[in-house]
């Protein structure tokens, strides 16, 4: 009972801090054993997956940091409030997995598949997601400094849910992230924080950038056919050799267009 109550308190505390400031790291000792150690081995994780037949494998609140879980089939697994800091998940199958409130600081998700995954209020600063597939995923995470080179967020929902903001603005943060050659076709990036992100060669066809923060972002060579810029802040964004700018939507309604950096 004590363990259950502690876990519930942790989850509530994490959600509250994230919702109000999207900064779960405030006051957290990131070098503590709770954040850097693992209470299971890879073999034990594999056993948990193998025995979870009636319901998805559940790793809620588990400490799994610094493990090598590369290539595992973790589809539909539940990692709610789990610690996966610097965990290797390269090539793993995380389709439809639940990673709400999970800690994935500097985690390696290179080439992983997270199609339809739910990643709400997660901490993923400096995570490696090059070549990862997050198509149709629901993401409201802090991905500051993360790398998603050649990744896909096609039809994914990374925008703020304005129907559920009683505890504060929940949105995806991609500040200073490397998003070069990102496939963001049809993605919802409304109100997302993309300040100083590199989107060189990204495909934003049909994406929603309503109210997004793009200050200082590098949009060199991006495809903008059908992209919606209504209310987006373009202060000091670099817009060089864009493709389909004349077919973008509501570009005239973007903020600070006069402060764009162009050819």
Protein backbone atom coordinates (compact mmCIF):
# COMPACT_ATOMS: atom_id res chain seq x y z
CA UNK A 1 0.00 0.00 0.00
CA UNK A 2 2.83 2.37 0.89
CA UNK A 3 4.44 1.69 -2.50
CA UNK A 4 1.16 2.32 -4.32
CA UNK A 5 0.57 5.60 -2.49
CA UNK A 6 4.13 6.72 -3.15
CA UNK A 7 3.74 5.92 -6.84
CA UNK A 8 0.47 7.82 -7.02
CA UNK A 9 2.01 10.81 -5.28
CA UNK A 10 4.94 10.75 -7.69
CA UNK A 11 2.64 10.63 -10.71
CA UNK A 12 0.47 13.46 -9.40
CA UNK A 13 3.51 15.54 -8.55
CA UNK A 14 5.07 15.01 -11.95
CA UNK A 15 1.86 15.85 -13.75
CA UNK A 16 1.29 18.99 -11.72
CA UNK A 17 4.80 20.36 -12.29
CA UNK A 18 4.68 19.49 -15.97
CA UNK A 19 1.31 21.07 -16.47
CA UNK A 20 2.26 24.33 -14.82
CA UNK A 21 5.74 24.79 -16.20
CA UNK A 22 6.48 21.74 -18.35
CA UNK A 23 9.61 21.37 -16.28
CA UNK A 24 9.55 18.18 -14.26
CA UNK A 25 13.29 18.50 -13.63
CA UNK A 26 12.90 21.37 -11.20
CA UNK A 27 14.22 20.23 -7.83
CA UNK A 28 14.98 16.71 -9.11
CA UNK A 29 18.42 15.21 -8.51
CA UNK A 30 19.17 13.75 -11.94
CA UNK A 31 22.25 11.94 -10.58
CA UNK A 32 20.33 10.05 -7.90
CA UNK A 33 20.03 6.25 -8.14
CA UNK A 34 16.33 6.67 -8.81
CA UNK A 35 17.17 8.46 -12.08
CA UNK A 36 20.23 6.55 -13.33
CA UNK A 37 19.81 2.95 -12.18
CA UNK A 38 17.70 -0.03 -13.21
CA UNK A 39 15.73 -2.40 -11.03
CA UNK A 40 15.34 -4.94 -13.83
CA UNK A 41 17.70 -6.57 -16.30
CA UNK A 42 17.07 -6.93 -20.03
CA UNK A 43 16.33 -10.60 -19.44
CA UNK A 44 13.70 -9.72 -16.85
CA UNK A 45 12.14 -7.18 -19.19
CA UNK A 46 11.97 -9.83 -21.93
CA UNK A 47 10.36 -12.26 -19.48
CA UNK A 48 7.75 -9.66 -18.49
CA UNK A 49 6.90 -9.16 -22.16
CA UNK A 50 6.66 -12.91 -22.78
CA UNK A 51 4.30 -13.50 -19.86
CA UNK A 52 2.05 -10.51 -20.62
CA UNK A 53 -0.49 -12.28 -22.80
CA UNK A 54 -3.87 -11.13 -21.48
CA UNK A 55 -2.82 -7.48 -21.13
CA UNK A 56 0.12 -5.29 -22.24
CA UNK A 57 3.35 -5.53 -20.28
CA UNK A 58 3.19 -2.93 -17.51
CA UNK A 59 6.37 -1.14 -16.37
CA UNK A 60 4.64 1.75 -14.62
CA UNK A 61 7.06 3.61 -12.35
CA UNK A 62 9.90 1.17 -13.01
CA UNK A 63 13.53 2.24 -12.94
CA UNK A 64 14.97 1.14 -16.29
CA UNK A 65 17.67 3.74 -16.88
CA UNK A 66 20.88 2.84 -18.72
CA UNK A 67 19.56 -0.55 -19.85
CA UNK A 68 20.09 -1.88 -23.36
CA UNK A 69 16.61 -2.70 -24.64
CA UNK A 70 17.49 -2.27 -28.30
CA UNK A 71 15.38 -4.16 -30.79
CA UNK A 72 12.79 -5.42 -28.31
CA UNK A 73 9.10 -5.71 -29.16
CA UNK A 74 7.57 -3.35 -26.61
CA UNK A 75 4.44 -2.60 -28.58
CA UNK A 76 1.52 -1.49 -26.40
CA UNK A 77 3.71 -1.74 -23.28
CA UNK A 78 2.97 0.71 -20.49
CA UNK A 79 5.85 2.87 -19.24
CA UNK A 80 3.84 5.46 -17.35
CA UNK A 81 6.17 7.49 -15.06
CA UNK A 82 8.99 5.00 -15.76
CA UNK A 83 12.62 6.13 -15.75
CA UNK A 84 14.39 5.33 -19.01
CA UNK A 85 17.18 7.89 -18.89
CA UNK A 86 20.00 7.04 -21.33
CA UNK A 87 18.27 3.74 -22.03
CA UNK A 88 19.06 2.19 -25.42
CA UNK A 89 15.86 1.55 -27.34
CA UNK A 90 17.34 1.72 -30.83
CA UNK A 91 15.22 -0.21 -33.30
CA UNK A 92 12.68 -1.11 -30.62
CA UNK A 93 9.00 -1.57 -31.44
CA UNK A 94 7.07 0.86 -29.25
CA UNK A 95 3.99 1.10 -31.45
CA UNK A 96 0.96 2.16 -29.38
CA UNK A 97 3.08 2.14 -26.22
CA UNK A 98 2.15 4.41 -23.31
CA UNK A 99 5.02 6.68 -22.23
CA UNK A 100 3.01 9.26 -20.31
CA UNK A 101 5.10 11.13 -17.69
CA UNK A 102 8.09 8.93 -18.51
CA UNK A 103 11.67 10.11 -18.17
CA UNK A 104 13.71 9.52 -21.34
CA UNK A 105 16.53 12.01 -20.93
CA UNK A 106 19.21 11.29 -23.56
CA UNK A 107 17.50 7.99 -24.39
CA UNK A 108 18.54 6.34 -27.66
CA UNK A 109 15.45 5.70 -29.81
CA UNK A 110 17.31 5.73 -33.13
CA UNK A 111 15.24 3.94 -35.74
CA UNK A 112 12.57 2.97 -33.20
CA UNK A 113 8.92 2.76 -34.21
CA UNK A 114 6.45 4.63 -32.02
CA UNK A 115 3.46 4.70 -34.35
CA UNK A 116 0.33 5.61 -32.44
CA UNK A 117 2.24 5.85 -29.16
CA UNK A 118 1.00 8.10 -26.36
CA UNK A 119 3.79 10.33 -25.02
CA UNK A 120 2.16 12.86 -22.72
CA UNK A 121 4.07 15.02 -20.21
CA UNK A 122 7.27 13.07 -20.89
CA UNK A 123 10.79 14.41 -20.40
CA UNK A 124 12.89 13.65 -23.50
CA UNK A 125 15.54 16.37 -23.55
CA UNK A 126 18.49 15.47 -25.79
CA UNK A 127 16.90 12.16 -26.78
CA UNK A 128 18.10 10.54 -30.01
CA UNK A 129 15.25 9.77 -32.42
CA UNK A 130 17.01 9.89 -35.77
CA UNK A 131 15.04 7.84 -38.28
CA UNK A 132 12.34 7.06 -35.72
CA UNK A 133 8.71 6.70 -36.79
CA UNK A 134 6.24 8.61 -34.61
CA UNK A 135 3.50 8.79 -37.20
CA UNK A 136 0.03 9.21 -35.71
CA UNK A 137 1.51 9.40 -32.19
CA UNK A 138 0.15 11.76 -29.53
CA UNK A 139 3.06 13.75 -28.17
CA UNK A 140 3.15 16.51 -25.56
CA UNK A 141 6.72 16.19 -24.36
CA UNK A 142 9.82 18.25 -23.68
CA UNK A 143 12.20 17.37 -26.52
CA UNK A 144 14.58 20.28 -26.00
CA UNK A 145 17.84 19.62 -27.84
CA UNK A 146 16.61 16.27 -29.16
CA UNK A 147 17.65 14.90 -32.56
CA UNK A 148 14.98 13.72 -35.01
CA UNK A 149 16.98 13.79 -38.23
CA UNK A 150 15.05 11.96 -40.93
CA UNK A 151 12.35 10.97 -38.44
CA UNK A 152 8.62 10.91 -39.18
CA UNK A 153 5.85 12.62 -37.24
CA UNK A 154 3.41 12.33 -40.14
CA UNK A 155 -0.18 12.85 -38.97
CA UNK A 156 1.06 12.96 -35.37
CA UNK A 157 -0.55 15.25 -32.80
CA UNK A 158 2.07 17.40 -31.10
CA UNK A 159 -0.11 20.45 -30.63
CA UNK A 160 -1.64 21.81 -27.46
CA UNK A 161 -5.01 20.36 -26.51
CA UNK A 162 -6.98 23.53 -25.80
CA UNK A 163 -9.91 21.51 -24.45
CA UNK A 164 -7.88 20.27 -21.50
CA UNK A 165 -5.86 23.18 -20.16
CA UNK A 166 -7.20 23.47 -16.63
CA UNK A 167 -3.73 22.72 -15.25
CA UNK A 168 -1.77 24.84 -17.71
CA UNK A 169 -0.64 24.73 -21.33
CA UNK A 170 0.51 21.27 -22.36
CA UNK A 171 2.42 21.26 -25.64
CA UNK A 172 5.45 19.79 -27.31
CA UNK A 173 8.74 21.62 -26.83
CA UNK A 174 11.31 21.15 -29.61
CA UNK A 175 13.51 24.09 -28.72
CA UNK A 176 16.97 23.85 -30.34
CA UNK A 177 16.07 20.37 -31.68
CA UNK A 178 17.63 18.97 -34.87
CA UNK A 179 14.64 18.29 -37.13
CA UNK A 180 16.46 18.21 -40.45
CA UNK A 181 14.65 16.21 -43.17
CA UNK A 182 11.78 15.59 -40.74
CA UNK A 183 8.62 14.19 -42.31
CA UNK A 184 5.90 16.26 -40.68
CA UNK A 185 3.24 15.84 -43.35
CA UNK A 186 -0.17 16.47 -41.83
CA UNK A 187 1.27 16.86 -38.33
CA UNK A 188 -0.37 19.06 -35.72
CA UNK A 189 2.32 21.37 -34.34
CA UNK A 190 -0.06 24.07 -33.16
CA UNK A 191 1.42 26.15 -30.34
CA UNK A 192 4.52 23.94 -30.29
CA UNK A 193 7.80 25.54 -29.23
CA UNK A 194 10.23 25.25 -32.15
CA UNK A 195 12.50 28.15 -31.22
CA UNK A 196 16.01 27.80 -32.69
CA UNK A 197 15.17 24.35 -34.09
CA UNK A 198 16.78 23.30 -37.37
CA UNK A 199 14.15 22.21 -39.89
CA UNK A 200 16.38 22.20 -42.96
CA UNK A 201 14.80 20.16 -45.72
CA UNK A 202 11.80 19.21 -43.55
CA UNK A 203 8.48 18.37 -45.20
CA UNK A 204 5.70 20.38 -43.54
CA UNK A 205 3.09 19.66 -46.21
CA UNK A 206 -0.35 20.15 -44.68
CA UNK A 207 1.07 20.63 -41.18
CA UNK A 208 -0.57 22.95 -38.67
CA UNK A 209 1.78 25.55 -37.22
CA UNK A 210 -1.00 27.66 -35.73
CA UNK A 211 0.37 29.73 -32.88
CA UNK A 212 3.70 27.88 -33.01
CA UNK A 213 6.86 29.60 -31.81
CA UNK A 214 9.42 29.56 -34.61
CA UNK A 215 11.71 32.33 -33.41
CA UNK A 216 15.25 31.74 -34.64
CA UNK A 217 14.29 28.47 -36.36
CA UNK A 218 16.09 27.46 -39.57
CA UNK A 219 13.49 26.75 -42.27
CA UNK A 220 15.94 26.51 -45.15
CA UNK A 221 14.59 24.37 -47.97
CA UNK A 222 11.40 23.34 -46.16
CA UNK A 223 8.31 22.19 -48.06
CA UNK A 224 5.36 24.36 -47.01
CA UNK A 225 2.54 23.29 -49.34
CA UNK A 226 -0.69 23.64 -47.35
CA UNK A 227 1.13 24.40 -44.07
CA UNK A 228 -0.96 26.65 -41.80
CA UNK A 229 0.92 29.60 -40.24
CA UNK A 230 -2.03 31.33 -38.57
CA UNK A 231 -0.61 33.15 -35.53
CA UNK A 232 2.84 31.53 -35.78
CA UNK A 233 5.71 33.71 -34.52
CA UNK A 234 8.47 33.96 -37.14
CA UNK A 235 10.79 36.35 -35.32
CA UNK A 236 14.30 35.97 -36.78
CA UNK A 237 13.40 32.65 -38.41
CA UNK A 238 15.53 31.80 -41.44
CA UNK A 239 13.33 31.18 -44.48
CA UNK A 240 15.64 30.49 -47.41
CA UNK A 241 14.64 28.65 -50.60
CA UNK A 242 11.31 27.34 -49.25
CA UNK A 243 9.23 25.04 -51.45
CA UNK A 244 5.57 25.88 -51.93
CA UNK A 245 5.47 29.03 -49.82
CA UNK A 246 2.88 30.47 -52.21
CA UNK A 247 0.67 27.49 -51.35
CA UNK A 248 1.02 27.84 -47.58
CA UNK A 249 -2.11 28.81 -45.65
CA UNK A 250 -2.53 31.96 -43.57
CA UNK A 251 1.08 33.01 -44.04
CA UNK A 252 -0.18 36.60 -44.04
CA UNK A 253 -1.51 36.00 -40.51
CA UNK A 254 1.86 34.91 -39.10
CA UNK A 255 3.47 37.22 -36.55
CA UNK A 256 6.67 39.18 -37.17
CA UNK A 257 6.98 38.27 -40.85
CA UNK A 258 8.92 41.51 -41.27
CA UNK A 259 11.64 40.05 -39.05
CA UNK A 260 12.21 36.94 -41.18
CA UNK A 261 15.70 36.27 -42.51
CA UNK A 262 15.48 35.61 -46.25
CA UNK A 263 17.78 35.36 -49.26
